Amino acid sequence: NRLAPSDRAVIFHDMIRKSFRLRIAGYACEPDE
């Protein structure tokens, strides 16, 4: 929802693809969530 339309169009091509290596930071509100 918060991604710009131009980023939404390419995110699955440029970043979130099988075997691509990512570094992610995020919020863990529940232990197994």
ModelCIF file with pLDDT and N, C-alpha, C, O atoms, coordinates in Angstrom:
data_MODEL
#
_entry.id   MODEL 
#
_entity.id                         1 
_entity.type                       polymer 
_entity.pdbx_number_of_molecules   1 
#
_entity_poly.entity_id                      1 
_entity_poly.type                           'polypeptide(L)' 
_entity_poly.nstd_linkage                   no 
_entity_poly.nstd_monomer                   no 
_entity_poly.pdbx_seq_one_letter_code       NRLAPSDRAVIFHDMIRKSFRLRIAGYACEPDE 
_entity_poly.pdbx_seq_one_letter_code_can   NRLAPSDRAVIFHDMIRKSFRLRIAGYACEPDE 
_entity_poly.pdbx_strand_id                 A 
#
loop_
_entity_poly_seq.entity_id 
_entity_poly_seq.num 
_entity_poly_seq.mon_id 
_entity_poly_seq.hetero 
1 1  ASN n 
1 2  ARG n 
1 3  LEU n 
1 4  ALA n 
1 5  PRO n 
1 6  SER n 
1 7  ASP n 
1 8  ARG n 
1 9  ALA n 
1 10 VAL n 
1 11 ILE n 
1 12 PHE n 
1 13 HIS n 
1 14 ASP n 
1 15 MET n 
1 16 ILE n 
1 17 ARG n 
1 18 LYS n 
1 19 SER n 
1 20 PHE n 
1 21 ARG n 
1 22 LEU n 
1 23 ARG n 
1 24 ILE n 
1 25 ALA n 
1 26 GLY n 
1 27 TYR n 
1 28 ALA n 
1 29 CYS n 
1 30 GLU n 
1 31 PRO n 
1 32 ASP n 
1 33 GLU n 
#
_struct_asym.id          A 
_struct_asym.entity_id   1 
#
loop_
_ma_qa_metric.id 
_ma_qa_metric.mode 
_ma_qa_metric.name 
_ma_qa_metric.software_group_id 
_ma_qa_metric.type 
1 global pLDDT . pLDDT 
2 local  pLDDT . pLDDT 
#
_ma_qa_metric_global.metric_id      1 
_ma_qa_metric_global.metric_value   86.76 
_ma_qa_metric_global.model_id       1 
_ma_qa_metric_global.ordinal_id     1 
#
loop_
_ma_qa_metric_local.label_asym_id 
_ma_qa_metric_local.label_comp_id 
_ma_qa_metric_local.label_seq_id 
_ma_qa_metric_local.metric_id 
_ma_qa_metric_local.metric_value 
_ma_qa_metric_local.model_id 
_ma_qa_metric_local.ordinal_id 
A ASN 1  2 85.00 1 1  
A ARG 2  2 84.00 1 2  
A LEU 3  2 87.00 1 3  
A ALA 4  2 86.00 1 4  
A PRO 5  2 86.00 1 5  
A SER 6  2 86.00 1 6  
A ASP 7  2 86.00 1 7  
A ARG 8  2 84.00 1 8  
A ALA 9  2 85.00 1 9  
A VAL 10 2 89.00 1 10 
A ILE 11 2 87.00 1 11 
A PHE 12 2 88.00 1 12 
A HIS 13 2 89.00 1 13 
A ASP 14 2 88.00 1 14 
A MET 15 2 88.00 1 15 
A ILE 16 2 88.00 1 16 
A ARG 17 2 89.00 1 17 
A LYS 18 2 91.00 1 18 
A SER 19 2 89.00 1 19 
A PHE 20 2 91.00 1 20 
A ARG 21 2 93.00 1 21 
A LEU 22 2 92.00 1 22 
A ARG 23 2 91.00 1 23 
A ILE 24 2 90.00 1 24 
A ALA 25 2 89.00 1 25 
A GLY 26 2 87.00 1 26 
A TYR 27 2 87.00 1 27 
A ALA 28 2 85.00 1 28 
A CYS 29 2 83.00 1 29 
A GLU 30 2 82.00 1 30 
A PRO 31 2 78.00 1 31 
A ASP 32 2 79.00 1 32 
A GLU 33 2 81.00 1 33 
#
loop_
_atom_site.group_PDB 
_atom_site.id 
_atom_site.type_symbol 
_atom_site.label_atom_id 
_atom_site.label_alt_id 
_atom_site.label_comp_id 
_atom_site.label_asym_id 
_atom_site.label_entity_id 
_atom_site.label_seq_id 
_atom_site.pdbx_PDB_ins_code 
_atom_site.Cartn_x 
_atom_site.Cartn_y 
_atom_site.Cartn_z 
_atom_site.occupancy 
_atom_site.B_iso_or_equiv 
_atom_site.pdbx_formal_charge 
_atom_site.auth_seq_id 
_atom_site.auth_comp_id 
_atom_site.auth_asym_id 
_atom_site.auth_atom_id 
_atom_site.pdbx_PDB_model_num 
ATOM 1   N N  . ASN A 1 1  ? 0.809  -1.227  0.000   1.00 85.00 ? 1  ASN A N  1 
ATOM 2   C CA . ASN A 1 1  ? 0.000  0.000   0.000   1.00 85.00 ? 1  ASN A CA 1 
ATOM 3   C C  . ASN A 1 1  ? 0.837  1.269   0.000   1.00 85.00 ? 1  ASN A C  1 
ATOM 4   O O  . ASN A 1 1  ? 0.468  2.248   -0.650  1.00 85.00 ? 1  ASN A O  1 
ATOM 5   N N  . ARG A 1 2  ? 1.943  1.273   0.707   1.00 84.00 ? 2  ARG A N  1 
ATOM 6   C CA . ARG A 1 2  ? 2.742  2.496   0.833   1.00 84.00 ? 2  ARG A CA 1 
ATOM 7   C C  . ARG A 1 2  ? 3.800  2.643   -0.248  1.00 84.00 ? 2  ARG A C  1 
ATOM 8   O O  . ARG A 1 2  ? 4.550  3.619   -0.246  1.00 84.00 ? 2  ARG A O  1 
ATOM 9   N N  . LEU A 1 3  ? 3.873  1.687   -1.173  1.00 87.00 ? 3  LEU A N  1 
ATOM 10  C CA . LEU A 1 3  ? 4.849  1.793   -2.248  1.00 87.00 ? 3  LEU A CA 1 
ATOM 11  C C  . LEU A 1 3  ? 4.328  2.697   -3.355  1.00 87.00 ? 3  LEU A C  1 
ATOM 12  O O  . LEU A 1 3  ? 3.136  2.694   -3.662  1.00 87.00 ? 3  LEU A O  1 
ATOM 13  N N  . ALA A 1 4  ? 5.218  3.459   -3.942  1.00 86.00 ? 4  ALA A N  1 
ATOM 14  C CA . ALA A 1 4  ? 4.854  4.288   -5.090  1.00 86.00 ? 4  ALA A CA 1 
ATOM 15  C C  . ALA A 1 4  ? 4.500  3.371   -6.260  1.00 86.00 ? 4  ALA A C  1 
ATOM 16  O O  . ALA A 1 4  ? 5.046  2.272   -6.362  1.00 86.00 ? 4  ALA A O  1 
ATOM 17  N N  . PRO A 1 5  ? 3.611  3.793   -7.131  1.00 86.00 ? 5  PRO A N  1 
ATOM 18  C CA . PRO A 1 5  ? 3.229  2.941   -8.270  1.00 86.00 ? 5  PRO A CA 1 
ATOM 19  C C  . PRO A 1 5  ? 4.418  2.489   -9.121  1.00 86.00 ? 5  PRO A C  1 
ATOM 20  O O  . PRO A 1 5  ? 4.418  1.369   -9.634  1.00 86.00 ? 5  PRO A O  1 
ATOM 21  N N  . SER A 1 6  ? 5.417  3.336   -9.274  1.00 86.00 ? 6  SER A N  1 
ATOM 22  C CA . SER A 1 6  ? 6.594  2.951   -10.062 1.00 86.00 ? 6  SER A CA 1 
ATOM 23  C C  . SER A 1 6  ? 7.389  1.840   -9.377  1.00 86.00 ? 6  SER A C  1 
ATOM 24  O O  . SER A 1 6  ? 7.942  0.973   -10.052 1.00 86.00 ? 6  SER A O  1 
ATOM 25  N N  . ASP A 1 7  ? 7.452  1.857   -8.036  1.00 86.00 ? 7  ASP A N  1 
ATOM 26  C CA . ASP A 1 7  ? 8.159  0.811   -7.298  1.00 86.00 ? 7  ASP A CA 1 
ATOM 27  C C  . ASP A 1 7  ? 7.349  -0.484  -7.265  1.00 86.00 ? 7  ASP A C  1 
ATOM 28  O O  . ASP A 1 7  ? 7.915  -1.576  -7.325  1.00 86.00 ? 7  ASP A O  1 
ATOM 29  N N  . ARG A 1 8  ? 6.038  -0.361  -7.170  1.00 84.00 ? 8  ARG A N  1 
ATOM 30  C CA . ARG A 1 8  ? 5.165  -1.533  -7.164  1.00 84.00 ? 8  ARG A CA 1 
ATOM 31  C C  . ARG A 1 8  ? 5.289  -2.321  -8.463  1.00 84.00 ? 8  ARG A C  1 
ATOM 32  O O  . ARG A 1 8  ? 5.192  -3.548  -8.467  1.00 84.00 ? 8  ARG A O  1 
ATOM 33  N N  . ALA A 1 9  ? 5.503  -1.610  -9.556  1.00 85.00 ? 9  ALA A N  1 
ATOM 34  C CA . ALA A 1 9  ? 5.584  -2.257  -10.863 1.00 85.00 ? 9  ALA A CA 1 
ATOM 35  C C  . ALA A 1 9  ? 6.841  -3.110  -11.012 1.00 85.00 ? 9  ALA A C  1 
ATOM 36  O O  . ALA A 1 9  ? 6.836  -4.085  -11.764 1.00 85.00 ? 9  ALA A O  1 
ATOM 37  N N  . VAL A 1 10 ? 7.918  -2.758  -10.304 1.00 89.00 ? 10 VAL A N  1 
ATOM 38  C CA . VAL A 1 10 ? 9.191  -3.467  -10.508 1.00 89.00 ? 10 VAL A CA 1 
ATOM 39  C C  . VAL A 1 10 ? 9.671  -4.257  -9.293  1.00 89.00 ? 10 VAL A C  1 
ATOM 40  O O  . VAL A 1 10 ? 10.714 -4.907  -9.372  1.00 89.00 ? 10 VAL A O  1 
ATOM 41  N N  . ILE A 1 11 ? 8.953  -4.225  -8.182  1.00 87.00 ? 11 ILE A N  1 
ATOM 42  C CA . ILE A 1 11 ? 9.464  -4.866  -6.966  1.00 87.00 ? 11 ILE A CA 1 
ATOM 43  C C  . ILE A 1 11 ? 9.669  -6.373  -7.138  1.00 87.00 ? 11 ILE A C  1 
ATOM 44  O O  . ILE A 1 11 ? 10.624 -6.930  -6.596  1.00 87.00 ? 11 ILE A O  1 
ATOM 45  N N  . PHE A 1 12 ? 8.786  -7.034  -7.883  1.00 88.00 ? 12 PHE A N  1 
ATOM 46  C CA . PHE A 1 12 ? 8.925  -8.480  -8.062  1.00 88.00 ? 12 PHE A CA 1 
ATOM 47  C C  . PHE A 1 12 ? 9.959  -8.833  -9.124  1.00 88.00 ? 12 PHE A C  1 
ATOM 48  O O  . PHE A 1 12 ? 10.376 -9.987  -9.225  1.00 88.00 ? 12 PHE A O  1 
ATOM 49  N N  . HIS A 1 13 ? 10.363 -7.873  -9.895  1.00 89.00 ? 13 HIS A N  1 
ATOM 50  C CA . HIS A 1 13 ? 11.411 -8.107  -10.901 1.00 89.00 ? 13 HIS A CA 1 
ATOM 51  C C  . HIS A 1 13 ? 12.793 -7.772  -10.342 1.00 89.00 ? 13 HIS A C  1 
ATOM 52  O O  . HIS A 1 13 ? 13.764 -8.479  -10.611 1.00 89.00 ? 13 HIS A O  1 
ATOM 53  N N  . ASP A 1 14 ? 12.877 -6.690  -9.563  1.00 88.00 ? 14 ASP A N  1 
ATOM 54  C CA . ASP A 1 14 ? 14.171 -6.208  -9.084  1.00 88.00 ? 14 ASP A CA 1 
ATOM 55  C C  . ASP A 1 14 ? 14.563 -6.680  -7.695  1.00 88.00 ? 14 ASP A C  1 
ATOM 56  O O  . ASP A 1 14 ? 15.756 -6.746  -7.400  1.00 88.00 ? 14 ASP A O  1 
ATOM 57  N N  . MET A 1 15 ? 13.610 -7.013  -6.824  1.00 88.00 ? 15 MET A N  1 
ATOM 58  C CA . MET A 1 15 ? 13.959 -7.330  -5.437  1.00 88.00 ? 15 MET A CA 1 
ATOM 59  C C  . MET A 1 15 ? 13.439 -8.676  -4.956  1.00 88.00 ? 15 MET A C  1 
ATOM 60  O O  . MET A 1 15 ? 14.226 -9.549  -4.590  1.00 88.00 ? 15 MET A O  1 
ATOM 61  N N  . ILE A 1 16 ? 12.133 -8.851  -4.954  1.00 88.00 ? 16 ILE A N  1 
ATOM 62  C CA . ILE A 1 16 ? 11.552 -10.043 -4.338  1.00 88.00 ? 16 ILE A CA 1 
ATOM 63  C C  . ILE A 1 16 ? 11.411 -11.134 -5.396  1.00 88.00 ? 16 ILE A C  1 
ATOM 64  O O  . ILE A 1 16 ? 10.352 -11.318 -5.997  1.00 88.00 ? 16 ILE A O  1 
ATOM 65  N N  . ARG A 1 17 ? 12.497 -11.837 -5.598  1.00 89.00 ? 17 ARG A N  1 
ATOM 66  C CA . ARG A 1 17 ? 12.543 -12.959 -6.538  1.00 89.00 ? 17 ARG A CA 1 
ATOM 67  C C  . ARG A 1 17 ? 13.234 -14.121 -5.858  1.00 89.00 ? 17 ARG A C  1 
ATOM 68  O O  . ARG A 1 17 ? 14.107 -13.929 -5.012  1.00 89.00 ? 17 ARG A O  1 
ATOM 69  N N  . LYS A 1 18 ? 12.845 -15.308 -6.226  1.00 91.00 ? 18 LYS A N  1 
ATOM 70  C CA . LYS A 1 18 ? 13.429 -16.505 -5.637  1.00 91.00 ? 18 LYS A CA 1 
ATOM 71  C C  . LYS A 1 18 ? 14.948 -16.478 -5.811  1.00 91.00 ? 18 LYS A C  1 
ATOM 72  O O  . LYS A 1 18 ? 15.460 -16.182 -6.890  1.00 91.00 ? 18 LYS A O  1 
ATOM 73  N N  . SER A 1 19 ? 15.650 -16.793 -4.731  1.00 89.00 ? 19 SER A N  1 
ATOM 74  C CA . SER A 1 19 ? 17.111 -16.878 -4.647  1.00 89.00 ? 19 SER A CA 1 
ATOM 75  C C  . SER A 1 19 ? 17.824 -15.532 -4.611  1.00 89.00 ? 19 SER A C  1 
ATOM 76  O O  . SER A 1 19 ? 19.052 -15.506 -4.530  1.00 89.00 ? 19 SER A O  1 
ATOM 77  N N  . PHE A 1 20 ? 17.104 -14.412 -4.666  1.00 91.00 ? 20 PHE A N  1 
ATOM 78  C CA . PHE A 1 20 ? 17.756 -13.120 -4.466  1.00 91.00 ? 20 PHE A CA 1 
ATOM 79  C C  . PHE A 1 20 ? 18.063 -12.983 -2.980  1.00 91.00 ? 20 PHE A C  1 
ATOM 80  O O  . PHE A 1 20 ? 17.269 -13.408 -2.141  1.00 91.00 ? 20 PHE A O  1 
ATOM 81  N N  . ARG A 1 21 ? 19.196 -12.397 -2.653  1.00 93.00 ? 21 ARG A N  1 
ATOM 82  C CA . ARG A 1 21 ? 19.600 -12.205 -1.262  1.00 93.00 ? 21 ARG A CA 1 
ATOM 83  C C  . ARG A 1 21 ? 19.167 -10.819 -0.805  1.00 93.00 ? 21 ARG A C  1 
ATOM 84  O O  . ARG A 1 21 ? 19.505 -9.812  -1.426  1.00 93.00 ? 21 ARG A O  1 
ATOM 85  N N  . LEU A 1 22 ? 18.404 -10.783 0.304   1.00 92.00 ? 22 LEU A N  1 
ATOM 86  C CA . LEU A 1 22 ? 17.898 -9.536  0.867   1.00 92.00 ? 22 LEU A CA 1 
ATOM 87  C C  . LEU A 1 22 ? 18.320 -9.393  2.323   1.00 92.00 ? 22 LEU A C  1 
ATOM 88  O O  . LEU A 1 22 ? 18.545 -10.383 3.018   1.00 92.00 ? 22 LEU A O  1 
ATOM 89  N N  . ARG A 1 23 ? 18.422 -8.155  2.771   1.00 91.00 ? 23 ARG A N  1 
ATOM 90  C CA . ARG A 1 23 ? 18.598 -7.835  4.191   1.00 91.00 ? 23 ARG A CA 1 
ATOM 91  C C  . ARG A 1 23 ? 17.361 -7.051  4.592   1.00 91.00 ? 23 ARG A C  1 
ATOM 92  O O  . ARG A 1 23 ? 17.056 -6.014  4.004   1.00 91.00 ? 23 ARG A O  1 
ATOM 93  N N  . ILE A 1 24 ? 16.649 -7.551  5.596   1.00 90.00 ? 24 ILE A N  1 
ATOM 94  C CA . ILE A 1 24 ? 15.375 -6.948  5.987   1.00 90.00 ? 24 ILE A CA 1 
ATOM 95  C C  . ILE A 1 24 ? 15.371 -6.628  7.480   1.00 90.00 ? 24 ILE A C  1 
ATOM 96  O O  . ILE A 1 24 ? 15.851 -7.406  8.305   1.00 90.00 ? 24 ILE A O  1 
ATOM 97  N N  . ALA A 1 25 ? 14.819 -5.469  7.798   1.00 89.00 ? 25 ALA A N  1 
ATOM 98  C CA . ALA A 1 25 ? 14.551 -5.090  9.183   1.00 89.00 ? 25 ALA A CA 1 
ATOM 99  C C  . ALA A 1 25 ? 13.042 -4.929  9.308   1.00 89.00 ? 25 ALA A C  1 
ATOM 100 O O  . ALA A 1 25 ? 12.385 -4.394  8.415   1.00 89.00 ? 25 ALA A O  1 
ATOM 101 N N  . GLY A 1 26 ? 12.505 -5.399  10.429  1.00 87.00 ? 26 GLY A N  1 
ATOM 102 C CA . GLY A 1 26 ? 11.055 -5.311  10.589  1.00 87.00 ? 26 GLY A CA 1 
ATOM 103 C C  . GLY A 1 26 ? 10.628 -5.447  12.032  1.00 87.00 ? 26 GLY A C  1 
ATOM 104 O O  . GLY A 1 26 ? 11.443 -5.674  12.927  1.00 87.00 ? 26 GLY A O  1 
ATOM 105 N N  . TYR A 1 27 ? 9.334  -5.303  12.236  1.00 87.00 ? 27 TYR A N  1 
ATOM 106 C CA . TYR A 1 27 ? 8.742  -5.391  13.565  1.00 87.00 ? 27 TYR A CA 1 
ATOM 107 C C  . TYR A 1 27 ? 8.192  -6.786  13.814  1.00 87.00 ? 27 TYR A C  1 
ATOM 108 O O  . TYR A 1 27 ? 7.463  -7.330  12.984  1.00 87.00 ? 27 TYR A O  1 
ATOM 109 N N  . ALA A 1 28 ? 8.543  -7.362  14.958  1.00 85.00 ? 28 ALA A N  1 
ATOM 110 C CA . ALA A 1 28 ? 8.038  -8.667  15.380  1.00 85.00 ? 28 ALA A CA 1 
ATOM 111 C C  . ALA A 1 28 ? 7.197  -8.451  16.634  1.00 85.00 ? 28 ALA A C  1 
ATOM 112 O O  . ALA A 1 28 ? 7.724  -8.413  17.746  1.00 85.00 ? 28 ALA A O  1 
ATOM 113 N N  . CYS A 1 29 ? 5.886  -8.311  16.446  1.00 83.00 ? 29 CYS A N  1 
ATOM 114 C CA . CYS A 1 29 ? 4.995  -8.052  17.587  1.00 83.00 ? 29 CYS A CA 1 
ATOM 115 C C  . CYS A 1 29 ? 4.653  -9.335  18.341  1.00 83.00 ? 29 CYS A C  1 
ATOM 116 O O  . CYS A 1 29 ? 4.495  -9.310  19.562  1.00 83.00 ? 29 CYS A O  1 
ATOM 117 N N  . GLU A 1 30 ? 4.539  -10.446 17.633  1.00 82.00 ? 30 GLU A N  1 
ATOM 118 C CA . GLU A 1 30 ? 4.256  -11.748 18.229  1.00 82.00 ? 30 GLU A CA 1 
ATOM 119 C C  . GLU A 1 30 ? 5.408  -12.700 17.901  1.00 82.00 ? 30 GLU A C  1 
ATOM 120 O O  . GLU A 1 30 ? 5.988  -12.594 16.820  1.00 82.00 ? 30 GLU A O  1 
ATOM 121 N N  . PRO A 1 31 ? 5.755  -13.620 18.793  1.00 78.00 ? 31 PRO A N  1 
ATOM 122 C CA . PRO A 1 31 ? 6.918  -14.488 18.577  1.00 78.00 ? 31 PRO A CA 1 
ATOM 123 C C  . PRO A 1 31 ? 6.875  -15.355 17.311  1.00 78.00 ? 31 PRO A C  1 
ATOM 124 O O  . PRO A 1 31 ? 7.888  -15.463 16.619  1.00 78.00 ? 31 PRO A O  1 
ATOM 125 N N  . ASP A 1 32 ? 5.755  -15.963 16.997  1.00 79.00 ? 32 ASP A N  1 
ATOM 126 C CA . ASP A 1 32 ? 5.685  -16.871 15.851  1.00 79.00 ? 32 ASP A CA 1 
ATOM 127 C C  . ASP A 1 32 ? 4.990  -16.250 14.643  1.00 79.00 ? 32 ASP A C  1 
ATOM 128 O O  . ASP A 1 32 ? 4.675  -16.959 13.687  1.00 79.00 ? 32 ASP A O  1 
ATOM 129 N N  . GLU A 1 33 ? 4.751  -14.973 14.668  1.00 81.00 ? 33 GLU A N  1 
ATOM 130 C CA . GLU A 1 33 ? 4.055  -14.275 13.601  1.00 81.00 ? 33 GLU A CA 1 
ATOM 131 C C  . GLU A 1 33 ? 5.066  -13.787 12.554  1.00 81.00 ? 33 GLU A C  1 
ATOM 132 O O  . GLU A 1 33 ? 4.678  -13.169 11.563  1.00 81.00 ? 33 GLU A O  1 
#
